[in-house]
Each structure stands twice: as structure tokens, then as C-alpha cells.
N, C-alpha and C. Protein backbone atom coordinates (compact mmCIF):
# COMPACT_ATOMS: atom_id res chain seq x y z
N MET A 1 6.23 39.64 32.54
CA MET A 1 6.27 39.92 31.12
C MET A 1 5.75 38.73 30.32
N LYS A 2 6.10 37.51 30.74
CA LYS A 2 5.60 36.33 30.04
C LYS A 2 4.08 36.28 30.11
N THR A 3 3.53 36.74 31.21
CA THR A 3 2.08 36.72 31.37
C THR A 3 1.42 37.62 30.34
N THR A 4 1.98 38.81 30.13
CA THR A 4 1.43 39.74 29.14
C THR A 4 1.55 39.15 27.74
N ALA A 5 2.68 38.58 27.41
CA ALA A 5 2.88 37.97 26.09
C ALA A 5 1.91 36.80 25.91
N TYR A 6 1.72 36.03 26.97
CA TYR A 6 0.79 34.90 26.92
C TYR A 6 -0.64 35.39 26.66
N LYS A 7 -1.06 36.45 27.35
CA LYS A 7 -2.41 37.00 27.18
C LYS A 7 -2.61 37.52 25.76
N ILE A 8 -1.58 38.17 25.23
CA ILE A 8 -1.66 38.69 23.86
C ILE A 8 -1.78 37.54 22.87
N ALA A 9 -1.01 36.49 23.07
CA ALA A 9 -1.07 35.33 22.17
C ALA A 9 -2.44 34.67 22.22
N VAL A 10 -2.99 34.53 23.42
CA VAL A 10 -4.32 33.92 23.57
C VAL A 10 -5.37 34.80 22.90
N PHE A 11 -5.28 36.12 23.14
CA PHE A 11 -6.23 37.05 22.53
C PHE A 11 -6.15 36.99 21.01
N ALA A 12 -4.93 36.95 20.46
CA ALA A 12 -4.76 36.88 19.01
C ALA A 12 -5.34 35.59 18.46
N THR A 13 -5.10 34.48 19.14
CA THR A 13 -5.63 33.19 18.70
C THR A 13 -7.16 33.21 18.71
N LEU A 14 -7.75 33.72 19.77
CA LEU A 14 -9.21 33.80 19.85
C LEU A 14 -9.79 34.73 18.79
N SER A 15 -9.09 35.82 18.50
CA SER A 15 -9.55 36.76 17.48
C SER A 15 -9.55 36.11 16.11
N ILE A 16 -8.51 35.37 15.81
CA ILE A 16 -8.42 34.66 14.52
C ILE A 16 -9.51 33.61 14.43
N ALA A 17 -9.75 32.89 15.51
CA ALA A 17 -10.82 31.89 15.54
C ALA A 17 -12.18 32.53 15.32
N ALA A 18 -12.39 33.69 15.92
CA ALA A 18 -13.66 34.40 15.75
C ALA A 18 -13.85 34.84 14.30
N LEU A 19 -12.80 35.30 13.67
CA LEU A 19 -12.89 35.68 12.26
C LEU A 19 -13.21 34.47 11.40
N GLY A 20 -12.60 33.35 11.71
CA GLY A 20 -12.89 32.12 10.96
C GLY A 20 -14.33 31.70 11.12
N SER A 21 -14.90 31.84 12.30
CA SER A 21 -16.28 31.45 12.51
C SER A 21 -17.23 32.41 11.80
N GLN A 22 -16.83 33.67 11.63
CA GLN A 22 -17.66 34.60 10.88
C GLN A 22 -17.71 34.20 9.41
N ALA A 23 -16.64 33.60 8.91
CA ALA A 23 -16.64 33.14 7.52
C ALA A 23 -17.65 32.03 7.32
N GLN A 24 -17.96 31.29 8.38
CA GLN A 24 -18.95 30.22 8.32
C GLN A 24 -20.35 30.71 8.70
N SER A 25 -20.53 32.01 8.71
CA SER A 25 -21.81 32.56 9.15
C SER A 25 -22.93 32.17 8.19
N LYS A 26 -24.12 32.42 8.63
CA LYS A 26 -25.31 32.06 7.87
C LYS A 26 -25.62 33.17 6.87
N ASN A 27 -24.99 33.12 5.72
CA ASN A 27 -25.15 34.20 4.76
C ASN A 27 -25.61 33.73 3.38
N THR A 28 -26.02 32.49 3.24
CA THR A 28 -26.41 31.97 1.93
C THR A 28 -27.92 31.90 1.82
N THR A 29 -28.42 32.23 0.63
CA THR A 29 -29.82 32.06 0.29
C THR A 29 -29.90 30.99 -0.78
N ILE A 30 -30.77 30.02 -0.59
CA ILE A 30 -31.03 29.02 -1.63
C ILE A 30 -32.33 29.41 -2.32
N GLN A 31 -32.23 29.68 -3.60
CA GLN A 31 -33.37 30.07 -4.44
C GLN A 31 -33.78 28.86 -5.27
N ILE A 32 -35.01 28.40 -5.11
CA ILE A 32 -35.51 27.23 -5.83
C ILE A 32 -36.55 27.70 -6.83
N ASP A 33 -36.32 27.39 -8.10
CA ASP A 33 -37.26 27.72 -9.17
C ASP A 33 -37.80 26.43 -9.74
N VAL A 34 -39.12 26.28 -9.71
CA VAL A 34 -39.80 25.08 -10.18
C VAL A 34 -40.58 25.43 -11.44
N ASP A 35 -40.40 24.65 -12.51
CA ASP A 35 -41.18 24.88 -13.73
C ASP A 35 -41.89 23.60 -14.16
N LYS A 36 -42.63 23.70 -15.24
CA LYS A 36 -43.42 22.59 -15.80
C LYS A 36 -44.58 22.21 -14.86
N ILE A 37 -45.12 23.18 -14.13
CA ILE A 37 -46.26 22.93 -13.25
C ILE A 37 -47.52 22.99 -14.11
N LYS A 38 -48.35 21.97 -14.03
CA LYS A 38 -49.46 21.82 -14.99
C LYS A 38 -50.61 22.80 -14.78
N ASN A 39 -50.79 23.34 -13.58
CA ASN A 39 -51.85 24.32 -13.35
C ASN A 39 -51.53 25.12 -12.08
N ALA A 40 -52.37 26.11 -11.81
CA ALA A 40 -52.14 26.97 -10.64
C ALA A 40 -53.03 26.59 -9.46
N THR A 41 -53.64 25.42 -9.52
CA THR A 41 -54.50 24.96 -8.43
C THR A 41 -53.64 24.60 -7.22
N GLY A 42 -54.07 24.98 -6.03
CA GLY A 42 -53.34 24.63 -4.81
C GLY A 42 -52.08 25.45 -4.63
N MET A 43 -51.10 24.82 -3.98
CA MET A 43 -49.84 25.49 -3.63
C MET A 43 -48.65 24.60 -4.00
N MET A 44 -47.47 25.20 -4.02
CA MET A 44 -46.23 24.46 -4.19
C MET A 44 -45.60 24.31 -2.81
N ALA A 45 -45.32 23.08 -2.40
CA ALA A 45 -44.63 22.82 -1.15
C ALA A 45 -43.15 22.63 -1.45
N CYS A 46 -42.30 23.32 -0.71
CA CYS A 46 -40.85 23.23 -0.88
C CYS A 46 -40.24 22.85 0.46
N ALA A 47 -39.42 21.80 0.46
CA ALA A 47 -38.78 21.35 1.70
C ALA A 47 -37.28 21.27 1.48
N LEU A 48 -36.52 21.85 2.40
CA LEU A 48 -35.07 21.82 2.38
C LEU A 48 -34.61 20.85 3.46
N PHE A 49 -33.84 19.86 3.06
CA PHE A 49 -33.32 18.85 3.99
C PHE A 49 -31.82 19.04 4.13
N ASN A 50 -31.31 18.84 5.36
CA ASN A 50 -29.86 18.86 5.59
C ASN A 50 -29.38 17.49 6.09
N ALA A 51 -30.23 16.49 5.98
CA ALA A 51 -29.91 15.10 6.35
C ALA A 51 -30.84 14.17 5.58
N ALA A 52 -30.45 12.91 5.49
CA ALA A 52 -31.21 11.93 4.71
C ALA A 52 -32.53 11.54 5.36
N GLU A 53 -32.61 11.61 6.66
CA GLU A 53 -33.81 11.14 7.34
C GLU A 53 -35.04 11.93 6.90
N GLY A 54 -36.03 11.20 6.39
CA GLY A 54 -37.28 11.80 5.95
C GLY A 54 -37.31 12.25 4.51
N PHE A 55 -36.15 12.37 3.87
CA PHE A 55 -36.11 12.82 2.48
C PHE A 55 -36.71 11.74 1.58
N PRO A 56 -37.53 12.06 0.61
CA PRO A 56 -37.92 13.40 0.18
C PRO A 56 -39.30 13.86 0.66
N ASP A 57 -40.07 13.00 1.32
CA ASP A 57 -41.48 13.34 1.50
C ASP A 57 -41.98 13.46 2.93
N VAL A 58 -41.11 13.43 3.93
CA VAL A 58 -41.57 13.62 5.31
C VAL A 58 -41.20 15.05 5.71
N GLN A 59 -42.12 15.94 5.43
CA GLN A 59 -41.88 17.36 5.64
C GLN A 59 -41.49 17.68 7.08
N ALA A 60 -42.04 16.96 8.04
CA ALA A 60 -41.73 17.20 9.45
C ALA A 60 -40.25 16.93 9.76
N LYS A 61 -39.58 16.15 8.93
CA LYS A 61 -38.16 15.85 9.14
C LYS A 61 -37.25 16.81 8.37
N SER A 62 -37.85 17.70 7.58
CA SER A 62 -37.04 18.64 6.80
C SER A 62 -36.42 19.69 7.72
N PHE A 63 -35.38 20.31 7.24
CA PHE A 63 -34.71 21.38 7.97
C PHE A 63 -35.61 22.61 8.03
N ILE A 64 -36.24 22.91 6.90
CA ILE A 64 -37.16 24.05 6.80
C ILE A 64 -38.04 23.80 5.58
N TYR A 65 -39.27 24.31 5.64
CA TYR A 65 -40.15 24.17 4.48
C TYR A 65 -41.04 25.40 4.33
N ALA A 66 -41.63 25.51 3.13
CA ALA A 66 -42.49 26.65 2.84
C ALA A 66 -43.54 26.24 1.81
N TYR A 67 -44.65 26.95 1.81
CA TYR A 67 -45.68 26.81 0.78
C TYR A 67 -45.76 28.13 0.04
N VAL A 68 -45.74 28.05 -1.30
CA VAL A 68 -45.79 29.27 -2.11
C VAL A 68 -46.83 29.10 -3.21
N SER A 69 -47.27 30.23 -3.75
CA SER A 69 -48.26 30.20 -4.82
C SER A 69 -47.59 29.86 -6.16
N ILE A 70 -48.42 29.46 -7.09
CA ILE A 70 -47.98 29.08 -8.43
C ILE A 70 -48.50 30.13 -9.40
N ASN A 71 -47.62 30.61 -10.27
CA ASN A 71 -48.01 31.64 -11.24
C ASN A 71 -47.49 31.26 -12.63
N SER A 72 -48.41 31.11 -13.56
CA SER A 72 -48.06 30.83 -14.97
C SER A 72 -47.14 29.63 -15.12
N GLY A 73 -47.41 28.57 -14.37
CA GLY A 73 -46.66 27.33 -14.51
C GLY A 73 -45.32 27.28 -13.81
N VAL A 74 -45.02 28.30 -13.00
CA VAL A 74 -43.76 28.31 -12.25
C VAL A 74 -44.02 28.72 -10.80
N ALA A 75 -43.09 28.34 -9.93
CA ALA A 75 -43.13 28.73 -8.52
C ALA A 75 -41.69 28.90 -8.05
N SER A 76 -41.52 29.77 -7.07
CA SER A 76 -40.18 30.00 -6.51
C SER A 76 -40.24 29.99 -4.99
N CYS A 77 -39.29 29.29 -4.39
CA CYS A 77 -39.14 29.26 -2.93
C CYS A 77 -37.76 29.81 -2.61
N GLU A 78 -37.66 30.41 -1.44
CA GLU A 78 -36.39 30.98 -1.03
C GLU A 78 -36.14 30.65 0.43
N PHE A 79 -34.97 30.12 0.71
CA PHE A 79 -34.55 29.82 2.08
C PHE A 79 -33.32 30.67 2.37
N LYS A 80 -33.42 31.52 3.38
CA LYS A 80 -32.36 32.50 3.67
C LYS A 80 -31.58 32.14 4.92
N ASP A 81 -30.44 32.81 5.07
CA ASP A 81 -29.60 32.74 6.27
C ASP A 81 -29.12 31.32 6.56
N LEU A 82 -28.61 30.66 5.54
CA LEU A 82 -28.14 29.28 5.66
C LEU A 82 -26.63 29.22 5.76
N SER A 83 -26.14 28.25 6.49
CA SER A 83 -24.71 28.00 6.61
C SER A 83 -24.24 27.10 5.48
N ALA A 84 -22.93 27.05 5.29
CA ALA A 84 -22.35 26.10 4.34
C ALA A 84 -22.71 24.69 4.79
N GLY A 85 -22.89 23.79 3.83
CA GLY A 85 -23.23 22.42 4.17
C GLY A 85 -23.82 21.68 2.99
N THR A 86 -24.33 20.50 3.26
CA THR A 86 -24.95 19.65 2.25
C THR A 86 -26.45 19.69 2.44
N TYR A 87 -27.16 19.96 1.35
CA TYR A 87 -28.62 20.08 1.38
C TYR A 87 -29.22 19.32 0.20
N ALA A 88 -30.51 19.04 0.30
CA ALA A 88 -31.31 18.52 -0.82
C ALA A 88 -32.69 19.14 -0.70
N VAL A 89 -33.33 19.35 -1.84
CA VAL A 89 -34.64 19.98 -1.89
C VAL A 89 -35.64 19.00 -2.49
N SER A 90 -36.84 18.97 -1.92
CA SER A 90 -37.95 18.28 -2.56
C SER A 90 -39.12 19.24 -2.64
N VAL A 91 -39.88 19.12 -3.72
CA VAL A 91 -41.06 19.96 -3.93
C VAL A 91 -42.21 19.07 -4.37
N PHE A 92 -43.41 19.50 -4.06
CA PHE A 92 -44.57 18.82 -4.63
C PHE A 92 -45.71 19.81 -4.84
N HIS A 93 -46.52 19.53 -5.84
CA HIS A 93 -47.66 20.37 -6.20
C HIS A 93 -48.85 19.90 -5.38
N ASP A 94 -49.11 20.60 -4.31
CA ASP A 94 -50.22 20.25 -3.40
C ASP A 94 -51.52 20.79 -4.00
N GLU A 95 -52.02 20.08 -5.01
CA GLU A 95 -53.18 20.55 -5.76
C GLU A 95 -54.43 20.67 -4.90
N ASN A 96 -54.63 19.78 -3.96
CA ASN A 96 -55.83 19.84 -3.13
C ASN A 96 -55.57 20.58 -1.82
N ASP A 97 -54.40 21.16 -1.67
CA ASP A 97 -54.06 22.02 -0.54
C ASP A 97 -54.27 21.34 0.82
N ASN A 98 -53.93 20.05 0.90
CA ASN A 98 -54.09 19.32 2.17
C ASN A 98 -52.77 19.18 2.93
N LYS A 99 -51.72 19.86 2.46
CA LYS A 99 -50.41 19.91 3.13
C LYS A 99 -49.69 18.56 3.18
N LYS A 100 -50.01 17.66 2.22
CA LYS A 100 -49.27 16.40 2.14
C LYS A 100 -49.23 15.93 0.69
N LEU A 101 -48.23 15.13 0.37
CA LEU A 101 -48.11 14.54 -0.96
C LEU A 101 -49.02 13.32 -1.00
N ASP A 102 -50.08 13.41 -1.77
CA ASP A 102 -51.02 12.30 -1.88
C ASP A 102 -50.41 11.18 -2.72
N LYS A 103 -50.65 9.95 -2.28
CA LYS A 103 -50.11 8.77 -2.96
C LYS A 103 -51.22 7.75 -3.18
N ASN A 104 -51.01 6.86 -4.15
CA ASN A 104 -51.98 5.80 -4.39
C ASN A 104 -51.74 4.63 -3.43
N PHE A 105 -52.50 3.55 -3.59
CA PHE A 105 -52.43 2.43 -2.65
C PHE A 105 -51.08 1.72 -2.63
N VAL A 106 -50.26 1.86 -3.67
CA VAL A 106 -48.93 1.25 -3.65
C VAL A 106 -47.83 2.25 -3.29
N GLY A 107 -48.22 3.49 -2.98
CA GLY A 107 -47.26 4.48 -2.53
C GLY A 107 -46.70 5.40 -3.59
N LEU A 108 -47.21 5.32 -4.81
CA LEU A 108 -46.74 6.21 -5.87
C LEU A 108 -47.46 7.55 -5.78
N PRO A 109 -46.76 8.65 -6.02
CA PRO A 109 -47.37 9.98 -5.89
C PRO A 109 -48.52 10.21 -6.87
N LEU A 110 -49.58 10.82 -6.37
CA LEU A 110 -50.71 11.22 -7.20
C LEU A 110 -50.62 12.69 -7.60
N GLU A 111 -49.70 13.42 -6.97
CA GLU A 111 -49.49 14.83 -7.27
C GLU A 111 -48.07 15.00 -7.81
N GLY A 112 -47.87 16.06 -8.57
CA GLY A 112 -46.56 16.31 -9.14
C GLY A 112 -45.50 16.55 -8.08
N TYR A 113 -44.28 16.13 -8.38
CA TYR A 113 -43.17 16.31 -7.43
C TYR A 113 -41.86 16.45 -8.19
N GLY A 114 -40.84 16.87 -7.47
CA GLY A 114 -39.50 16.97 -8.02
C GLY A 114 -38.49 17.12 -6.89
N VAL A 115 -37.23 16.88 -7.21
CA VAL A 115 -36.15 17.02 -6.23
C VAL A 115 -34.96 17.71 -6.89
N SER A 116 -34.06 18.22 -6.06
CA SER A 116 -32.84 18.82 -6.58
C SER A 116 -32.07 17.79 -7.39
N ASN A 117 -31.33 18.27 -8.36
CA ASN A 117 -30.60 17.47 -9.35
C ASN A 117 -31.55 16.74 -10.30
N ASN A 118 -32.86 17.00 -10.17
CA ASN A 118 -33.89 16.44 -11.07
C ASN A 118 -33.78 14.92 -11.21
N ILE A 119 -33.55 14.24 -10.10
CA ILE A 119 -33.49 12.78 -10.06
C ILE A 119 -34.92 12.25 -10.09
N ARG A 120 -35.15 11.22 -10.89
CA ARG A 120 -36.48 10.62 -10.99
C ARG A 120 -36.32 9.13 -11.27
N HIS A 121 -36.88 8.31 -10.39
CA HIS A 121 -36.86 6.87 -10.57
C HIS A 121 -38.27 6.40 -10.89
N MET A 122 -38.36 5.28 -11.58
CA MET A 122 -39.67 4.77 -11.98
C MET A 122 -40.46 4.23 -10.78
N MET A 123 -39.84 3.46 -9.91
CA MET A 123 -40.59 2.79 -8.85
C MET A 123 -40.07 3.07 -7.44
N SER A 124 -39.22 4.05 -7.28
CA SER A 124 -38.74 4.38 -5.93
C SER A 124 -38.47 5.88 -5.82
N ALA A 125 -38.47 6.35 -4.60
CA ALA A 125 -38.19 7.77 -4.35
C ALA A 125 -36.70 8.04 -4.51
N PRO A 126 -36.35 9.23 -4.96
CA PRO A 126 -34.94 9.61 -5.03
C PRO A 126 -34.33 9.63 -3.63
N GLU A 127 -33.04 9.36 -3.54
CA GLU A 127 -32.34 9.36 -2.26
C GLU A 127 -31.66 10.71 -2.02
N PHE A 128 -31.46 11.00 -0.75
CA PHE A 128 -30.80 12.25 -0.35
C PHE A 128 -29.43 12.38 -1.01
N LYS A 129 -28.66 11.33 -0.99
CA LYS A 129 -27.29 11.37 -1.49
C LYS A 129 -27.23 11.81 -2.96
N GLU A 130 -28.12 11.28 -3.78
CA GLU A 130 -28.09 11.60 -5.20
C GLU A 130 -28.77 12.94 -5.52
N SER A 131 -29.56 13.43 -4.59
CA SER A 131 -30.28 14.69 -4.79
C SER A 131 -29.59 15.86 -4.11
N SER A 132 -28.55 15.59 -3.34
CA SER A 132 -27.92 16.64 -2.53
C SER A 132 -26.97 17.51 -3.34
N PHE A 133 -26.67 18.66 -2.78
CA PHE A 133 -25.74 19.62 -3.37
C PHE A 133 -25.03 20.33 -2.23
N GLN A 134 -23.91 20.95 -2.55
CA GLN A 134 -23.10 21.65 -1.55
C GLN A 134 -23.36 23.15 -1.59
N VAL A 135 -23.38 23.75 -0.42
CA VAL A 135 -23.39 25.20 -0.28
C VAL A 135 -22.07 25.55 0.39
N ASN A 136 -21.27 26.35 -0.31
CA ASN A 136 -19.93 26.68 0.19
C ASN A 136 -19.71 28.18 0.26
N GLY A 137 -20.64 28.89 0.88
CA GLY A 137 -20.44 30.31 1.08
C GLY A 137 -20.97 31.20 -0.04
N GLU A 138 -21.68 30.62 -1.02
CA GLU A 138 -22.27 31.46 -2.05
C GLU A 138 -23.28 32.40 -1.40
N VAL A 139 -23.46 33.56 -1.99
CA VAL A 139 -24.48 34.47 -1.50
C VAL A 139 -25.85 33.94 -1.88
N VAL A 140 -25.99 33.49 -3.13
CA VAL A 140 -27.24 32.88 -3.60
C VAL A 140 -26.90 31.60 -4.34
N LYS A 141 -27.55 30.53 -3.97
CA LYS A 141 -27.41 29.24 -4.65
C LYS A 141 -28.72 29.00 -5.38
N ASN A 142 -28.69 28.91 -6.71
CA ASN A 142 -29.89 28.70 -7.51
C ASN A 142 -30.07 27.21 -7.82
N ILE A 143 -31.27 26.71 -7.56
CA ILE A 143 -31.63 25.33 -7.84
C ILE A 143 -32.83 25.34 -8.76
N LYS A 144 -32.74 24.67 -9.88
CA LYS A 144 -33.85 24.57 -10.84
C LYS A 144 -34.41 23.15 -10.78
N ILE A 145 -35.73 23.06 -10.60
CA ILE A 145 -36.39 21.75 -10.51
C ILE A 145 -37.52 21.70 -11.55
N ARG A 146 -37.53 20.59 -12.31
CA ARG A 146 -38.61 20.33 -13.27
C ARG A 146 -39.65 19.47 -12.57
N MET A 147 -40.87 19.94 -12.56
CA MET A 147 -41.97 19.20 -11.95
C MET A 147 -42.31 18.00 -12.82
N GLY A 148 -42.53 16.86 -12.19
CA GLY A 148 -42.96 15.66 -12.91
C GLY A 148 -44.28 15.18 -12.36
N TYR A 149 -45.13 14.68 -13.23
CA TYR A 149 -46.45 14.17 -12.82
C TYR A 149 -46.59 12.71 -13.19
């Protein structure tokens, strides 16, 4: 009899754990809306980071990225099926469509860019920590970014 009670208790515990893990499922969409884009030349690059490494401009280190078209000075990117966590977004206006953020000889961007929380420094790139935001199970998380040139 103890064996049956033990099996039931284990089954109940595992069932509760499974329900808890479903609550952490990948059900969030991050919607990024970028405005103040100066023209429709090229594409808008959007990169979603879930760690500081590579943020904001090493796309290969991003969690996921996309290129989208620009229409009437705005662009929108969407990242679906995301889990709860800490993320940061960087975008740049790839005017010459070469799939990289062009910079001058001292490393300053030659193309428009922006990051989540609209952080902008005069002589350095924004950091992940100050650009990050939390996703806590929202169905849609909206991020608005103002493009800067």
C-alpha cells in the first residue's frame, strides 16, 4: 500500500512540475516598432540579444535577428515564441544593404541605429544592462525605438 501511495505522490509532484514548466513556455512575441527613419533605402536590421556579449552591433552574437523593409519612415520587426527572460534590442538602417553597420575610422556609426530603452551616448555604444528589458509571460511585448543618425 505504501508503494501505491508513493507512486501517486511522485506522479502528482511530476504533474505539478510539468504544469509549472508549461507556464514558462515560449509564448511571448516581441514587437519592435522603429520610427524616425530618414528614407526607405536599404533595409532595417533588427537584432534581439539575451546576453551582453556582442551587444549592440555583433549580429552573429545575437539570439535572433531579422531584416525588414522600411515603409513611410517606419519599420516593424517581430520575434515570436520567446520565453520569459531579459532581452535587449538593437536596430540599424542598413542603407547600402551590406548586412553590417558601417562605421567611420574611429568606430562611430555612419548609418542610423537605435536600441531598446532609446539609450544614446555621444562617444560610446549603449550597454546591454541599460538597454535591457524583462519579458514575464506577456503575450506581446511592444518596444518602440527612435532611429538616430
